[in-house]
Amino acid sequence: MKPAKKAAEMTVAELASYIDQSVLKPEFTQDDIKKYTQEGIDFGCATICINPASLDLVSKMVEGTKTGICVVCDFPFGLSTTESKVKQAEEYCSKYKIQDLDIVANYGQLRSGNLDYVTKDIKAVVDVCHKYGTQVKVIIETDSLDKQQIIDGTKCAVAAGADFIKSSTGFFTGKENVGATVEVVQTMMDAGEGKIKVKGSGCIRTQEHFFKLIDMGIDRMGIGYRSTPVVLKK
């Protein structure tokens, strides 16, 4: 949604409310997770985006703060069975207070044109999460898709009742990574027709890019722990 004022006029707190601070590196130690989670909390980020194994640790850290938890599910490939994805979502949402769950769509099926499969796979997870008041963001890995497939993936997420469409995992290999370009974000916005929020993720590393996406009307952004201080600098 278009903001009431330009990003350049916003306070650091207002800017931070757009950020899911990514703390997802598989090699992170417990001390690393604590450090970058606390930095995100101190900045006032919307959520800390974490792997499920970090839930015990991070849930205690965000308690009583304005920062929530965003947990990834079936990440980063999205290739579990639907039944497995549902069980994962049920486990996380039933045990922890989770603001957002970011599920990876089966983008191989999306690239194959099997849109009914993609929609049903997403909807099964959405139905579980919504029982617990958890929002669902659907990652379609846009670097693997052409423009029509990005449009199709967005429409699948809308049909499944998801809350957000999201561009990238940040872990895609085999092709150039461009992530949440202006063009990709605009394509998702146009395809969503105002029926779904948009999260840009991947390669948002400069304040200029960050501000541009806010001014376009993006709803949330996944920002790496190294880039959060860069995009928020005043």
Protein backbone atom coordinates (compact mmCIF):
# COMPACT_ATOMS: atom_id res chain seq x y z
CA MET A 1 0.00 0.00 0.00
CA LYS A 2 1.28 3.47 -0.88
CA PRO A 3 2.62 5.17 2.26
CA ALA A 4 1.26 8.49 3.49
CA LYS A 5 4.71 10.06 3.15
CA LYS A 6 7.92 9.41 1.28
CA ALA A 7 10.46 7.02 2.75
CA ALA A 8 13.03 9.83 2.98
CA GLU A 9 10.68 11.65 5.38
CA MET A 10 10.13 8.66 7.68
CA THR A 11 11.71 8.11 11.06
CA VAL A 12 14.05 5.18 11.66
CA ALA A 13 11.25 3.48 13.60
CA GLU A 14 8.84 3.88 10.69
CA LEU A 15 11.40 2.52 8.26
CA ALA A 16 12.26 -0.42 10.53
CA SER A 17 8.60 -1.45 10.60
CA TYR A 18 9.02 -2.58 6.99
CA ILE A 19 11.83 -5.00 7.82
CA ASP A 20 11.94 -8.71 8.52
CA GLN A 21 15.53 -8.99 9.74
CA SER A 22 16.97 -12.16 8.22
CA VAL A 23 18.86 -14.39 10.66
CA LEU A 24 18.87 -17.54 8.53
CA LYS A 25 22.46 -18.56 7.83
CA PRO A 26 22.76 -22.31 8.57
CA GLU A 27 26.29 -21.89 9.93
CA PHE A 28 25.27 -19.37 12.60
CA THR A 29 26.25 -20.20 16.16
CA GLN A 30 23.84 -19.60 19.02
CA ASP A 31 25.81 -16.45 19.83
CA ASP A 32 25.41 -15.24 16.23
CA ILE A 33 21.66 -15.77 16.38
CA LYS A 34 21.44 -13.90 19.69
CA LYS A 35 23.54 -11.01 18.37
CA TYR A 36 21.62 -10.42 15.14
CA THR A 37 18.24 -11.02 16.75
CA GLN A 38 19.00 -8.40 19.40
CA GLU A 39 20.14 -5.95 16.73
CA GLY A 40 16.82 -6.40 14.91
CA ILE A 41 14.89 -5.89 18.15
CA ASP A 42 16.92 -2.77 18.96
CA PHE A 43 16.19 -1.31 15.53
CA GLY A 44 12.48 -2.06 16.00
CA CYS A 45 12.17 -4.38 13.00
CA ALA A 46 8.73 -5.87 12.32
CA THR A 47 10.03 -9.41 12.79
CA ILE A 48 13.14 -11.53 13.06
CA CYS A 49 13.09 -14.11 10.26
CA ILE A 50 14.50 -17.38 11.57
CA ASN A 51 14.82 -21.08 10.94
CA PRO A 52 12.58 -23.35 13.04
CA ALA A 53 15.54 -24.60 15.09
CA SER A 54 15.90 -21.05 16.45
CA LEU A 55 12.34 -20.80 17.77
CA ASP A 56 13.13 -21.68 21.39
CA LEU A 57 15.89 -19.09 21.58
CA VAL A 58 14.32 -16.23 19.64
CA SER A 59 10.82 -16.54 21.07
CA LYS A 60 12.20 -15.72 24.50
CA MET A 61 14.18 -12.77 23.15
CA VAL A 62 11.27 -11.05 21.40
CA GLU A 63 8.84 -11.52 24.28
CA GLY A 64 7.64 -8.14 25.52
CA THR A 65 9.08 -6.26 22.52
CA LYS A 66 7.44 -4.73 19.44
CA THR A 67 9.29 -7.23 17.22
CA GLY A 68 7.62 -10.49 16.26
CA ILE A 69 8.77 -13.84 14.89
CA CYS A 70 8.75 -14.79 11.23
CA VAL A 71 9.58 -18.49 10.86
CA VAL A 72 10.43 -20.11 7.53
CA CYS A 73 8.78 -23.40 6.58
CA ASP A 74 10.09 -26.02 4.14
CA PHE A 75 12.93 -23.63 3.42
CA PRO A 76 14.67 -23.02 1.06
CA PHE A 77 13.41 -25.53 -1.54
CA GLY A 78 9.68 -26.03 -0.92
CA LEU A 79 9.85 -29.65 -1.99
CA SER A 80 8.31 -31.48 0.96
CA THR A 81 4.96 -33.15 0.48
CA THR A 82 1.91 -31.06 1.27
CA GLU A 83 1.24 -33.27 4.28
CA SER A 84 4.73 -32.61 5.62
CA LYS A 85 4.39 -28.84 5.13
CA VAL A 86 1.10 -28.92 7.04
CA LYS A 87 2.65 -30.84 9.93
CA GLN A 88 5.57 -28.41 10.09
CA ALA A 89 3.24 -25.40 10.17
CA GLU A 90 1.03 -27.03 12.81
CA GLU A 91 4.02 -27.77 15.04
CA TYR A 92 5.44 -24.24 14.86
CA CYS A 93 2.17 -22.33 15.20
CA SER A 94 0.73 -24.48 17.98
CA LYS A 95 3.82 -24.21 20.19
CA TYR A 96 4.97 -20.63 19.65
CA LYS A 97 3.54 -17.15 19.19
CA ILE A 98 4.37 -16.64 15.53
CA GLN A 99 3.42 -13.48 13.67
CA ASP A 100 4.34 -14.69 10.17
CA LEU A 101 5.22 -17.99 8.53
CA ASP A 102 7.11 -17.84 5.22
CA ILE A 103 6.42 -20.97 3.17
CA VAL A 104 8.33 -21.83 -0.01
CA ALA A 105 6.00 -22.70 -2.87
CA ASN A 106 6.86 -25.69 -5.03
CA TYR A 107 8.23 -23.48 -7.76
CA GLY A 108 9.24 -26.47 -9.90
CA GLN A 109 5.53 -27.26 -10.15
CA LEU A 110 4.88 -23.57 -10.84
CA ARG A 111 7.42 -23.60 -13.67
CA SER A 112 5.71 -26.77 -14.97
CA GLY A 113 2.39 -24.95 -15.20
CA ASN A 114 0.70 -27.12 -12.55
CA LEU A 115 -1.07 -24.19 -10.95
CA ASP A 116 -3.82 -26.19 -9.25
CA TYR A 117 -1.17 -28.19 -7.41
CA VAL A 118 0.65 -25.04 -6.35
CA THR A 119 -2.54 -23.41 -5.09
CA LYS A 120 -3.71 -26.46 -3.11
CA ASP A 121 -0.24 -26.96 -1.62
CA ILE A 122 -0.18 -23.35 -0.37
CA LYS A 123 -3.81 -23.37 0.81
CA ALA A 124 -3.24 -26.39 3.04
CA VAL A 125 -0.59 -24.44 4.96
CA VAL A 126 -2.62 -21.22 4.98
CA ASP A 127 -5.59 -23.02 6.55
CA VAL A 128 -3.42 -24.29 9.42
CA CYS A 129 -1.67 -20.97 10.07
CA HIS A 130 -4.85 -18.91 10.03
CA LYS A 131 -6.27 -21.09 12.82
CA TYR A 132 -3.56 -19.62 15.02
CA GLY A 133 -3.73 -16.05 13.72
CA THR A 134 -0.42 -16.43 11.88
CA GLN A 135 0.03 -14.61 8.57
CA VAL A 136 1.41 -16.56 5.61
CA LYS A 137 3.95 -15.26 3.11
CA VAL A 138 4.46 -17.35 -0.01
CA ILE A 139 7.96 -17.38 -1.52
CA ILE A 140 7.96 -18.16 -5.25
CA GLU A 141 11.72 -17.75 -5.92
CA THR A 142 11.37 -15.19 -8.67
CA ASP A 143 14.96 -15.58 -9.92
CA SER A 144 13.89 -18.99 -11.25
CA LEU A 145 10.78 -17.64 -13.03
CA ASP A 146 9.87 -15.64 -16.09
CA LYS A 147 7.40 -12.76 -15.86
CA GLN A 148 4.33 -14.87 -16.63
CA GLN A 149 5.32 -17.42 -14.01
CA ILE A 150 5.69 -14.62 -11.42
CA ILE A 151 2.17 -13.49 -12.34
CA ASP A 152 0.86 -17.06 -12.10
CA GLY A 153 2.57 -17.65 -8.75
CA THR A 154 1.11 -14.48 -7.32
CA LYS A 155 -2.36 -15.46 -8.47
CA CYS A 156 -1.93 -18.91 -6.91
CA ALA A 157 -1.07 -17.29 -3.58
CA VAL A 158 -4.14 -15.04 -3.83
CA ALA A 159 -6.38 -18.02 -4.64
CA ALA A 160 -4.94 -19.92 -1.67
CA GLY A 161 -5.83 -17.08 0.71
CA ALA A 162 -2.23 -16.18 1.60
CA ASP A 163 -1.50 -12.83 3.20
CA PHE A 164 1.71 -11.97 1.30
CA ILE A 165 3.52 -12.89 -1.89
CA LYS A 166 7.32 -12.87 -1.47
CA SER A 167 10.03 -12.85 -4.09
CA SER A 168 13.06 -14.82 -2.90
CA THR A 169 14.64 -17.12 -0.33
CA GLY A 170 18.10 -15.58 -0.72
CA PHE A 171 19.50 -19.10 -1.16
CA PHE A 172 18.79 -19.72 -4.86
CA THR A 173 21.72 -21.05 -6.89
CA GLY A 174 22.35 -21.86 -10.54
CA LYS A 175 21.40 -18.48 -12.01
CA GLU A 176 22.09 -14.83 -11.40
CA ASN A 177 20.45 -13.53 -8.25
CA VAL A 178 18.69 -10.20 -8.71
CA GLY A 179 16.04 -10.65 -6.01
CA ALA A 180 13.50 -7.91 -5.36
CA THR A 181 14.11 -5.62 -8.30
CA VAL A 182 11.68 -2.79 -8.98
CA GLU A 183 10.40 -4.76 -11.98
CA VAL A 184 9.81 -7.96 -10.00
CA VAL A 185 8.04 -6.13 -7.17
CA GLN A 186 5.86 -4.20 -9.62
CA THR A 187 4.92 -7.43 -11.39
CA MET A 188 3.81 -9.00 -8.10
CA MET A 189 1.89 -5.87 -7.14
CA ASP A 190 0.09 -5.73 -10.47
CA ALA A 191 -0.74 -9.44 -10.45
CA GLY A 192 -2.01 -9.26 -6.86
CA GLU A 193 -4.50 -6.51 -7.77
CA GLY A 194 -4.55 -5.30 -4.16
CA LYS A 195 -5.74 -8.70 -2.89
CA ILE A 196 -2.42 -9.66 -1.32
CA LYS A 197 0.44 -7.83 0.35
CA VAL A 198 3.91 -7.87 -1.20
CA LYS A 199 7.21 -8.72 0.46
CA GLY A 200 10.42 -8.08 -1.42
CA SER A 201 13.41 -10.18 -0.47
CA GLY A 202 16.83 -10.66 -1.98
CA CYS A 203 19.51 -8.14 -2.95
CA ILE A 204 18.03 -5.19 -1.06
CA ARG A 205 21.30 -3.76 0.12
CA THR A 206 21.19 0.00 -0.43
CA GLN A 207 19.08 2.71 1.09
CA GLU A 208 18.19 3.97 -2.39
CA HIS A 209 16.67 0.60 -3.32
CA PHE A 210 14.96 0.27 0.06
CA PHE A 211 13.40 3.72 -0.22
CA LYS A 212 12.30 3.14 -3.82
CA LEU A 213 10.36 0.01 -2.89
CA ILE A 214 8.67 1.75 0.05
CA ASP A 215 7.62 4.63 -2.19
CA MET A 216 6.20 2.11 -4.69
CA GLY A 217 3.93 0.76 -1.96
CA ILE A 218 5.64 -2.45 -0.86
CA ASP A 219 4.39 -3.88 2.45
CA ARG A 220 7.43 -5.67 3.87
CA MET A 221 11.04 -6.46 3.00
CA GLY A 222 13.42 -9.20 3.98
CA ILE A 223 16.72 -7.55 4.80
CA GLY A 224 19.93 -9.36 5.67
CA TYR A 225 21.45 -8.71 9.08
CA ARG A 226 24.40 -6.89 7.45
CA SER A 227 22.15 -4.62 5.36
CA THR A 228 19.68 -3.48 8.03
CA PRO A 229 22.03 -0.80 9.44
CA VAL A 230 22.81 0.34 5.88
CA VAL A 231 19.22 0.84 4.73
CA LEU A 232 18.21 2.52 8.00
CA LYS A 233 21.07 5.00 8.23
CA LYS A 234 19.95 8.63 8.57
